[in-house]
PDB file of N, CA and C in Angstrom:
ATOM      1  N   UNK A   1      93.229 151.293  -6.740  1.00  0.00           N
ATOM      2  CA  UNK A   1      93.395 151.894  -5.433  1.00  0.00           C
ATOM      3  C   UNK A   1      92.653 153.222  -5.420  1.00  0.00           C
ATOM      4  N   UNK A   2      91.927 153.459  -4.338  1.00  0.00           N
ATOM      5  CA  UNK A   2      91.203 154.707  -4.154  1.00  0.00           C
ATOM      6  C   UNK A   2      91.911 155.521  -3.081  1.00  0.00           C
ATOM      7  N   UNK A   3      92.064 156.806  -3.323  1.00  0.00           N
ATOM      8  CA  UNK A   3      92.691 157.690  -2.343  1.00  0.00           C
ATOM      9  C   UNK A   3      91.590 158.408  -1.577  1.00  0.00           C
ATOM     10  N   UNK A   4      91.674 158.383  -0.247  1.00  0.00           N
ATOM     11  CA  UNK A   4      90.711 159.086   0.598  1.00  0.00           C
ATOM     12  C   UNK A   4      91.474 160.085   1.459  1.00  0.00           C
ATOM     13  N   UNK A   5      90.774 161.077   1.958  1.00  0.00           N
ATOM     14  CA  UNK A   5      91.395 162.120   2.773  1.00  0.00           C
ATOM     15  C   UNK A   5      90.783 162.120   4.167  1.00  0.00           C
ATOM     16  N   UNK A   6      91.599 162.474   5.152  1.00  0.00           N
ATOM     17  CA  UNK A   6      91.140 162.534   6.531  1.00  0.00           C
ATOM     18  C   UNK A   6      90.578 163.919   6.822  1.00  0.00           C
ATOM     19  N   UNK A   7      89.454 163.966   7.553  1.00  0.00           N
ATOM     20  CA  UNK A   7      88.851 165.240   7.936  1.00  0.00           C
ATOM     21  C   UNK A   7      89.589 165.818   9.146  1.00  0.00           C
ATOM     22  N   UNK A   8      89.219 167.037   9.538  1.00  0.00           N
ATOM     23  CA  UNK A   8      89.821 167.667  10.714  1.00  0.00           C
ATOM     24  C   UNK A   8      89.563 166.852  11.976  1.00  0.00           C
ATOM     25  N   UNK A   9      88.468 166.097  11.985  1.00  0.00           N
ATOM     26  CA  UNK A   9      88.117 165.273  13.145  1.00  0.00           C
ATOM     27  C   UNK A   9      88.793 163.905  13.109  1.00  0.00           C
ATOM     28  N   UNK A  10      89.603 163.638  12.094  1.00  0.00           N
ATOM     29  CA  UNK A  10      90.287 162.355  11.981  1.00  0.00           C
ATOM     30  C   UNK A  10      89.448 161.280  11.318  1.00  0.00           C
ATOM     31  N   UNK A  11      88.366 161.679  10.649  1.00  0.00           N
ATOM     32  CA  UNK A  11      87.479 160.717  10.001  1.00  0.00           C
ATOM     33  C   UNK A  11      87.920 160.433   8.575  1.00  0.00           C
ATOM     34  N   UNK A  12      87.809 159.163   8.198  1.00  0.00           N
ATOM     35  CA  UNK A  12      88.105 158.737   6.831  1.00  0.00           C
ATOM     36  C   UNK A  12      86.861 158.055   6.292  1.00  0.00           C
ATOM     37  N   UNK A  13      86.468 158.382   5.077  1.00  0.00           N
ATOM     38  CA  UNK A  13      85.282 157.787   4.469  1.00  0.00           C
ATOM     39  C   UNK A  13      85.686 156.558   3.667  1.00  0.00           C
ATOM     40  N   UNK A  14      85.045 155.427   3.982  1.00  0.00           N
ATOM     41  CA  UNK A  14      85.254 154.207   3.198  1.00  0.00           C
ATOM     42  C   UNK A  14      84.419 154.362   1.929  1.00  0.00           C
ATOM     43  N   UNK A  15      85.014 154.200   0.755  1.00  0.00           N
ATOM     44  CA  UNK A  15      84.277 154.395  -0.492  1.00  0.00           C
ATOM     45  C   UNK A  15      83.006 153.539  -0.558  1.00  0.00           C
ATOM     46  N   UNK A  16      81.963 154.112  -1.181  1.00  0.00           N
ATOM     47  CA  UNK A  16      80.651 153.474  -1.242  1.00  0.00           C
ATOM     48  C   UNK A  16      80.705 152.072  -1.837  1.00  0.00           C
ATOM     49  N   UNK A  17      81.486 151.883  -2.898  1.00  0.00           N
ATOM     50  CA  UNK A  17      81.522 150.549  -3.517  1.00  0.00           C
ATOM     51  C   UNK A  17      82.069 149.499  -2.546  1.00  0.00           C
ATOM     52  N   UNK A  18      83.016 149.867  -1.701  1.00  0.00           N
ATOM     53  CA  UNK A  18      83.567 148.936  -0.712  1.00  0.00           C
ATOM     54  C   UNK A  18      82.547 148.699   0.402  1.00  0.00           C
ATOM     55  N   UNK A  19      81.867 149.774   0.857  1.00  0.00           N
ATOM     56  CA  UNK A  19      80.828 149.617   1.888  1.00  0.00           C
ATOM     57  C   UNK A  19      79.731 148.687   1.404  1.00  0.00           C
ATOM     58  N   UNK A  20      79.297 148.883   0.167  1.00  0.00           N
ATOM     59  CA  UNK A  20      78.228 148.048  -0.395  1.00  0.00           C
ATOM     60  C   UNK A  20      78.675 146.600  -0.549  1.00  0.00           C
ATOM     61  N   UNK A  21      79.871 146.410  -1.058  1.00  0.00           N
ATOM     62  CA  UNK A  21      80.393 145.066  -1.299  1.00  0.00           C
ATOM     63  C   UNK A  21      80.480 144.248  -0.010  1.00  0.00           C
ATOM     64  N   UNK A  22      80.844 144.896   1.092  1.00  0.00           N
ATOM     65  CA  UNK A  22      81.042 144.193   2.359  1.00  0.00           C
ATOM     66  C   UNK A  22      79.857 144.325   3.316  1.00  0.00           C
ATOM     67  N   UNK A  23      78.860 145.109   2.942  1.00  0.00           N
ATOM     68  CA  UNK A  23      77.684 145.274   3.793  1.00  0.00           C
ATOM     69  C   UNK A  23      77.908 146.182   4.987  1.00  0.00           C
ATOM     70  N   UNK A  24      78.900 147.075   4.904  1.00  0.00           N
ATOM     71  CA  UNK A  24      79.143 148.016   5.993  1.00  0.00           C
ATOM     72  C   UNK A  24      78.056 149.079   5.964  1.00  0.00           C
ATOM     73  N   UNK A  25      77.596 149.478   7.136  1.00  0.00           N
ATOM     74  CA  UNK A  25      76.590 150.536   7.218  1.00  0.00           C
ATOM     75  C   UNK A  25      76.874 151.395   8.440  1.00  0.00           C
ATOM     76  N   UNK A  26      76.062 152.402   8.633  1.00  0.00           N
ATOM     77  CA  UNK A  26      76.237 153.317   9.747  1.00  0.00           C
ATOM     78  C   UNK A  26      76.316 152.526  11.056  1.00  0.00           C
ATOM     79  N   UNK A  27      77.337 152.769  11.838  1.00  0.00           N
ATOM     80  CA  UNK A  27      77.506 152.076  13.106  1.00  0.00           C
ATOM     81  C   UNK A  27      78.380 150.834  13.036  1.00  0.00           C
ATOM     82  N   UNK A  28      78.812 150.431  11.836  1.00  0.00           N
ATOM     83  CA  UNK A  28      79.706 149.272  11.725  1.00  0.00           C
ATOM     84  C   UNK A  28      80.980 149.561  12.519  1.00  0.00           C
ATOM     85  N   UNK A  29      81.480 148.547  13.221  1.00  0.00           N
ATOM     86  CA  UNK A  29      82.668 148.722  14.061  1.00  0.00           C
ATOM     87  C   UNK A  29      83.874 148.049  13.411  1.00  0.00           C
ATOM     88  N   UNK A  30      85.044 148.661  13.610  1.00  0.00           N
ATOM     89  CA  UNK A  30      86.280 148.152  13.026  1.00  0.00           C
ATOM     90  C   UNK A  30      87.393 148.179  14.061  1.00  0.00           C
ATOM     91  N   UNK A  31      88.261 147.181  14.011  1.00  0.00           N
ATOM     92  CA  UNK A  31      89.500 147.195  14.786  1.00  0.00           C
ATOM     93  C   UNK A  31      90.564 147.782  13.869  1.00  0.00           C
ATOM     94  N   UNK A  32      91.378 148.674  14.400  1.00  0.00           N
ATOM     95  CA  UNK A  32      92.431 149.315  13.610  1.00  0.00           C
ATOM     96  C   UNK A  32      93.774 148.941  14.219  1.00  0.00           C
ATOM     97  N   UNK A  33      94.698 148.509  13.368  1.00  0.00           N
ATOM     98  CA  UNK A  33      96.047 148.212  13.859  1.00  0.00           C
ATOM     99  C   UNK A  33      97.061 148.668  12.822  1.00  0.00           C
ATOM    100  N   UNK A  34      98.267 148.866  13.291  1.00  0.00           N
ATOM    101  CA  UNK A  34      99.362 149.272  12.412  1.00  0.00           C
ATOM    102  C   UNK A  34     100.327 148.100  12.270  1.00  0.00           C
ATOM    103  N   UNK A  35     100.722 147.808  11.034  1.00  0.00           N
ATOM    104  CA  UNK A  35     101.680 146.733  10.785  1.00  0.00           C
ATOM    105  C   UNK A  35     103.097 147.248  11.020  1.00  0.00           C
ATOM    106  N   UNK A  36     104.067 146.353  11.023  1.00  0.00           N
ATOM    107  CA  UNK A  36     105.468 146.749  11.207  1.00  0.00           C
ATOM    108  C   UNK A  36     105.936 147.693  10.114  1.00  0.00           C
ATOM    109  N   UNK A  37     105.346 147.541   8.923  1.00  0.00           N
ATOM    110  CA  UNK A  37     105.748 148.401   7.807  1.00  0.00           C
ATOM    111  C   UNK A  37     105.055 149.761   7.839  1.00  0.00           C
ATOM    112  N   UNK A  38     104.134 149.960   8.806  1.00  0.00           N
ATOM    113  CA  UNK A  38     103.442 151.237   8.920  1.00  0.00           C
ATOM    114  C   UNK A  38     102.085 151.269   8.237  1.00  0.00           C
ATOM    115  N   UNK A  39     101.680 150.171   7.599  1.00  0.00           N
ATOM    116  CA  UNK A  39     100.362 150.120   6.952  1.00  0.00           C
ATOM    117  C   UNK A  39      99.278 150.022   8.022  1.00  0.00           C
ATOM    118  N   UNK A  40      98.149 150.676   7.782  1.00  0.00           N
ATOM    119  CA  UNK A  40      97.015 150.592   8.695  1.00  0.00           C
ATOM    120  C   UNK A  40      96.049 149.539   8.177  1.00  0.00           C
ATOM    121  N   UNK A  41      95.573 148.700   9.074  1.00  0.00           N
ATOM    122  CA  UNK A  41      94.653 147.626   8.705  1.00  0.00           C
ATOM    123  C   UNK A  41      93.345 147.834   9.456  1.00  0.00           C
ATOM    124  N   UNK A  42      92.235 147.875   8.713  1.00  0.00           N
ATOM    125  CA  UNK A  42      90.898 147.946   9.306  1.00  0.00           C
ATOM    126  C   UNK A  42      90.287 146.560   9.226  1.00  0.00           C
ATOM    127  N   UNK A  43      89.831 146.044  10.346  1.00  0.00           N
ATOM    128  CA  UNK A  43      89.189 144.730  10.352  1.00  0.00           C
ATOM    129  C   UNK A  43      87.785 144.901  10.936  1.00  0.00           C
ATOM    130  N   UNK A  44      86.742 144.523  10.168  1.00  0.00           N
ATOM    131  CA  UNK A  44      85.384 144.666  10.702  1.00  0.00           C
ATOM    132  C   UNK A  44      85.164 143.756  11.906  1.00  0.00           C
ATOM    133  N   UNK A  45      84.425 144.267  12.875  1.00  0.00           N
ATOM    134  CA  UNK A  45      84.088 143.499  14.071  1.00  0.00           C
ATOM    135  C   UNK A  45      82.591 143.246  14.041  1.00  0.00           C
ATOM    136  N   UNK A  46      82.226 141.973  14.099  1.00  0.00           N
ATOM    137  CA  UNK A  46      80.809 141.635  14.127  1.00  0.00           C
ATOM    138  C   UNK A  46      80.314 141.742  15.560  1.00  0.00           C
ATOM    139  N   UNK A  47      79.147 142.335  15.718  1.00  0.00           N
ATOM    140  CA  UNK A  47      78.564 142.449  17.045  1.00  0.00           C
ATOM    141  C   UNK A  47      78.075 141.082  17.494  1.00  0.00           C
ATOM    142  N   UNK A  48      78.371 140.768  18.729  1.00  0.00           N
ATOM    143  CA  UNK A  48      77.876 139.510  19.283  1.00  0.00           C
ATOM    144  C   UNK A  48      76.383 139.659  19.552  1.00  0.00           C
ATOM    145  N   UNK A  49      75.633 138.647  19.149  1.00  0.00           N
ATOM    146  CA  UNK A  49      74.197 138.742  19.378  1.00  0.00           C
ATOM    147  C   UNK A  49      73.911 138.520  20.851  1.00  0.00           C
ATOM    148  N   UNK A  50      72.835 139.122  21.304  1.00  0.00           N
ATOM    149  CA  UNK A  50      72.445 138.966  22.692  1.00  0.00           C
ATOM    150  C   UNK A  50      71.927 137.556  22.917  1.00  0.00           C
ATOM    151  N   UNK A  51      72.241 137.023  24.075  1.00  0.00           N
ATOM    152  CA  UNK A  51      71.735 135.699  24.422  1.00  0.00           C
ATOM    153  C   UNK A  51      70.243 135.807  24.712  1.00  0.00           C
ATOM    154  N   UNK A  52      69.502 134.851  24.215  1.00  0.00           N
ATOM    155  CA  UNK A  52      68.099 134.806  24.574  1.00  0.00           C
ATOM    156  C   UNK A  52      67.895 133.731  25.638  1.00  0.00           C
ATOM    157  N   UNK A  53      66.673 133.593  26.104  1.00  0.00           N
ATOM    158  CA  UNK A  53      66.372 132.663  27.182  1.00  0.00           C
ATOM    159  C   UNK A  53      66.768 131.237  26.830  1.00  0.00           C
ATOM    160  N   UNK A  54      66.525 130.826  25.593  1.00  0.00           N
ATOM    161  CA  UNK A  54      66.846 129.463  25.186  1.00  0.00           C
ATOM    162  C   UNK A  54      68.352 129.222  25.256  1.00  0.00           C
ATOM    163  N   UNK A  55      69.156 130.195  24.813  1.00  0.00           N
ATOM    164  CA  UNK A  55      70.614 130.051  24.904  1.00  0.00           C
ATOM    165  C   UNK A  55      71.049 129.860  26.358  1.00  0.00           C
ATOM    166  N   UNK A  56      70.466 130.663  27.255  1.00  0.00           N
ATOM    167  CA  UNK A  56      70.846 130.557  28.665  1.00  0.00           C
ATOM    168  C   UNK A  56      70.445 129.204  29.243  1.00  0.00           C
ATOM    169  N   UNK A  57      69.254 128.724  28.889  1.00  0.00           N
ATOM    170  CA  UNK A  57      68.807 127.424  29.396  1.00  0.00           C
ATOM    171  C   UNK A  57      69.678 126.290  28.863  1.00  0.00           C
ATOM    172  N   UNK A  58      70.070 126.377  27.602  1.00  0.00           N
ATOM    173  CA  UNK A  58      70.920 125.334  27.027  1.00  0.00           C
ATOM    174  C   UNK A  58      72.282 125.273  27.710  1.00  0.00           C
ATOM    175  N   UNK A  59      72.786 126.422  28.154  1.00  0.00           N
ATOM    176  CA  UNK A  59      74.064 126.437  28.867  1.00  0.00           C
ATOM    177  C   UNK A  59      73.964 125.731  30.217  1.00  0.00           C
ATOM    178  N   UNK A  60      72.765 125.697  30.803  1.00  0.00           N
ATOM    179  CA  UNK A  60      72.569 125.074  32.109  1.00  0.00           C
ATOM    180  C   UNK A  60      72.354 123.567  32.013  1.00  0.00           C
ATOM    181  N   UNK A  61      72.148 123.055  30.814  1.00  0.00           N
ATOM    182  CA  UNK A  61      71.876 121.627  30.630  1.00  0.00           C
ATOM    183  C   UNK A  61      73.012 120.796  31.226  1.00  0.00           C
ATOM    184  N   UNK A  62      72.648 119.840  32.064  1.00  0.00           N
ATOM    185  CA  UNK A  62      73.632 118.952  32.664  1.00  0.00           C
ATOM    186  C   UNK A  62      74.207 119.449  33.978  1.00  0.00           C
ATOM    187  N   UNK A  63      73.832 120.641  34.422  1.00  0.00           N
ATOM    188  CA  UNK A  63      74.342 121.164  35.690  1.00  0.00           C
ATOM    189  C   UNK A  63      73.424 120.758  36.834  1.00  0.00           C
ATOM    190  N   UNK A  64      73.977 120.622  38.000  1.00  0.00           N
ATOM    191  CA  UNK A  64      73.196 120.351  39.208  1.00  0.00           C
ATOM    192  C   UNK A  64      72.625 121.673  39.723  1.00  0.00           C
ATOM    193  N   UNK A  65      71.648 121.614  40.605  1.00  0.00           N
ATOM    194  CA  UNK A  65      70.965 122.815  41.104  1.00  0.00           C
ATOM    195  C   UNK A  65      71.935 123.853  41.683  1.00  0.00           C
ATOM    196  N   UNK A  66      72.880 123.508  42.579  1.00  0.00           N
ATOM    197  CA  UNK A  66      73.794 124.539  43.102  1.00  0.00           C
ATOM    198  C   UNK A  66      74.592 125.232  41.990  1.00  0.00           C
ATOM    199  N   UNK A  67      74.993 124.480  40.971  1.00  0.00           N
ATOM    200  CA  UNK A  67      75.738 125.081  39.859  1.00  0.00           C
ATOM    201  C   UNK A  67      74.849 126.024  39.060  1.00  0.00           C
ATOM    202  N   UNK A  68      73.571 125.671  38.907  1.00  0.00           N
ATOM    203  CA  UNK A  68      72.642 126.526  38.164  1.00  0.00           C
ATOM    204  C   UNK A  68      72.505 127.880  38.846  1.00  0.00           C
ATOM    205  N   UNK A  69      72.400 127.874  40.178  1.00  0.00           N
ATOM    206  CA  UNK A  69      72.275 129.140  40.906  1.00  0.00           C
ATOM    207  C   UNK A  69      73.517 130.003  40.709  1.00  0.00           C
ATOM    208  N   UNK A  70      74.672 129.381  40.626  1.00  0.00           N
ATOM    209  CA  UNK A  70      75.918 130.118  40.419  1.00  0.00           C
ATOM    210  C   UNK A  70      75.930 130.796  39.052  1.00  0.00           C
ATOM    211  N   UNK A  71      75.398 130.131  38.022  1.00  0.00           N
ATOM    212  CA  UNK A  71      75.447 130.647  36.659  1.00  0.00           C
ATOM    213  C   UNK A  71      74.309 131.607  36.328  1.00  0.00           C
ATOM    214  N   UNK A  72      73.250 131.630  37.127  1.00  0.00           N
ATOM    215  CA  UNK A  72      72.091 132.482  36.839  1.00  0.00           C
ATOM    216  C   UNK A  72      72.304 133.866  37.438  1.00  0.00           C
ATOM    217  N   UNK A  73      71.906 134.907  36.694  1.00  0.00           N
ATOM    218  CA  UNK A  73      72.018 136.253  37.253  1.00  0.00           C
ATOM    219  C   UNK A  73      71.022 136.426  38.402  1.00  0.00           C
ATOM    220  N   UNK A  74      71.336 137.280  39.374  1.00  0.00           N
ATOM    221  CA  UNK A  74      70.421 137.488  40.498  1.00  0.00           C
ATOM    222  C   UNK A  74      69.136 138.174  40.046  1.00  0.00           C
ATOM    223  N   UNK A  75      68.063 137.917  40.762  1.00  0.00           N
ATOM    224  CA  UNK A  75      66.785 138.576  40.461  1.00  0.00           C
ATOM    225  C   UNK A  75      66.855 140.022  40.918  1.00  0.00           C
ATOM    226  N   UNK A  76      66.197 140.873  40.175  1.00  0.00           N
ATOM    227  CA  UNK A  76      66.165 142.294  40.551  1.00  0.00           C
ATOM    228  C   UNK A  76      64.846 142.644  41.185  1.00  0.00           C
TER     229      UNK A  76
END
């Protein structure tokens, strides 16, 4: 077990060996929750990748023209 300290700003540093082992880097996002026993749990959140044109077209497969217009974003 490694002991870490909180800064005045409420920041806690995740030890380097844990960051390296899990691939955490600057900007990694975490969900924080408290258990009934008072323990804090950090869970990494993976960023959802942006949809590309092919993903959007595949979602339209099998739709009729009126449905396609409903699902497509408006032109700017």
